[in-house]
Amino acid sequence: MRVLKQPAGTVIVRVLDIVTIAVPPALPAAMTVGTIYAQSRLKKNGVFCISPQRINLCGKLKCICFDKVRCWTPVDPLTSGFQRISNSGRSRGFVGLE
């Protein structure tokens, strides 16, 4: 094996070139695998997603509102309470807003 004496800056630039060439083609595949895995975990818990590409966005949400009659009221939806969920995914009980 032959060792070439190159300045550290040149070596770093070459390494970054290789990384930027290799990563972009693999990134969409990695995102797809992650989305499919997340979708299978959601399905096991009874959550069905009709738009899997939105799973990444939903991971950032802190609060989700569901309308049980499937149509939002035009003015100020009436909220009767909320269901608290712990970090472990277990329900911590319904809290009424009366």
Protein backbone atom coordinates (compact mmCIF):
# COMPACT_ATOMS: atom_id res chain seq x y z
CA MET A 1 0.00 0.00 0.00
CA ARG A 2 1.37 3.36 -1.00
CA VAL A 3 0.87 6.35 1.30
CA LEU A 4 0.55 9.73 -0.39
CA LYS A 5 1.38 12.79 1.65
CA GLN A 6 -1.54 15.16 1.09
CA PRO A 7 -2.49 18.20 3.14
CA ALA A 8 -5.31 17.55 5.63
CA GLY A 9 -7.55 20.10 3.87
CA THR A 10 -7.30 18.22 0.58
CA VAL A 11 -8.17 14.92 2.26
CA ILE A 12 -11.21 16.46 3.97
CA VAL A 13 -12.46 17.96 0.69
CA ARG A 14 -12.08 14.60 -1.07
CA VAL A 15 -13.95 12.78 1.71
CA LEU A 16 -16.79 15.31 1.59
CA ASP A 17 -16.95 14.93 -2.20
CA ILE A 18 -17.39 11.17 -1.83
CA VAL A 19 -20.08 11.59 0.85
CA THR A 20 -22.09 14.11 -1.20
CA ILE A 21 -21.93 11.83 -4.23
CA ALA A 22 -23.02 8.70 -2.31
CA VAL A 23 -25.71 10.10 0.02
CA PRO A 24 -28.29 11.73 -2.30
CA PRO A 25 -29.13 8.54 -4.26
CA ALA A 26 -29.56 6.56 -1.03
CA LEU A 27 -31.59 9.20 0.83
CA PRO A 28 -34.98 8.63 -0.89
CA ALA A 29 -34.64 4.88 -0.38
CA ALA A 30 -33.87 5.36 3.32
CA MET A 31 -36.85 7.71 3.72
CA THR A 32 -39.13 5.19 2.01
CA VAL A 33 -37.96 2.36 4.27
CA GLY A 34 -38.52 4.53 7.34
CA THR A 35 -42.01 5.53 6.19
CA ILE A 36 -43.01 1.92 5.49
CA TYR A 37 -41.73 0.88 8.94
CA ALA A 38 -43.63 3.73 10.62
CA GLN A 39 -46.79 2.85 8.69
CA SER A 40 -46.59 -0.80 9.80
CA ARG A 41 -46.18 0.28 13.46
CA LEU A 42 -49.17 2.62 13.18
CA LYS A 43 -51.26 -0.13 11.59
CA LYS A 44 -50.45 -2.51 14.48
CA ASN A 45 -51.89 0.11 16.85
CA GLY A 46 -55.07 0.55 14.82
CA VAL A 47 -54.08 3.81 13.10
CA PHE A 48 -54.60 3.67 9.34
CA CYS A 49 -52.90 6.22 7.11
CA ILE A 50 -54.22 6.89 3.61
CA SER A 51 -51.33 9.25 2.77
CA PRO A 52 -48.04 7.65 3.94
CA GLN A 53 -45.91 10.58 2.75
CA ARG A 54 -47.53 12.68 5.52
CA ILE A 55 -46.15 10.42 8.29
CA ASN A 56 -42.91 12.44 8.53
CA LEU A 57 -44.87 15.65 9.03
CA CYS A 58 -47.15 14.08 11.64
CA GLY A 59 -44.17 13.15 13.79
CA LYS A 60 -43.82 16.85 14.63
CA LEU A 61 -47.40 17.34 15.87
CA LYS A 62 -48.14 17.90 19.56
CA CYS A 63 -51.95 18.05 19.35
CA ILE A 64 -54.40 16.38 16.96
CA CYS A 65 -58.13 17.09 16.79
CA PHE A 66 -60.61 14.53 15.46
CA ASP A 67 -64.18 15.41 14.54
CA LYS A 68 -66.29 12.37 15.36
CA VAL A 69 -68.96 13.19 12.73
CA ARG A 70 -66.26 13.70 10.07
CA CYS A 71 -67.11 17.27 9.14
CA TRP A 72 -65.83 20.39 10.86
CA THR A 73 -68.43 22.84 11.98
CA PRO A 74 -68.10 26.16 10.12
CA VAL A 75 -67.77 28.31 13.25
CA ASP A 76 -65.83 27.40 16.40
CA PRO A 77 -65.97 23.60 16.76
CA LEU A 78 -67.35 22.49 20.13
CA THR A 79 -64.76 20.63 22.18
CA SER A 80 -66.04 18.50 25.03
CA GLY A 81 -62.66 17.40 26.34
CA PHE A 82 -59.39 15.76 25.45
CA GLN A 83 -57.64 12.41 25.84
CA ARG A 84 -54.17 12.60 27.36
CA ILE A 85 -51.57 10.12 26.12
CA SER A 86 -48.30 9.47 27.95
CA ASN A 87 -44.94 9.08 26.19
CA SER A 88 -45.33 5.31 26.41
CA GLY A 89 -48.50 5.57 24.30
CA ARG A 90 -50.88 4.69 27.12
CA SER A 91 -54.00 6.69 27.76
CA ARG A 92 -53.99 8.77 30.93
CA GLY A 93 -57.74 9.36 30.94
CA PHE A 94 -60.33 11.67 29.45
CA VAL A 95 -60.43 15.22 30.74
CA GLY A 96 -63.75 17.02 30.29
CA LEU A 97 -63.96 20.75 29.63
CA GLU A 98 -67.17 21.48 31.50
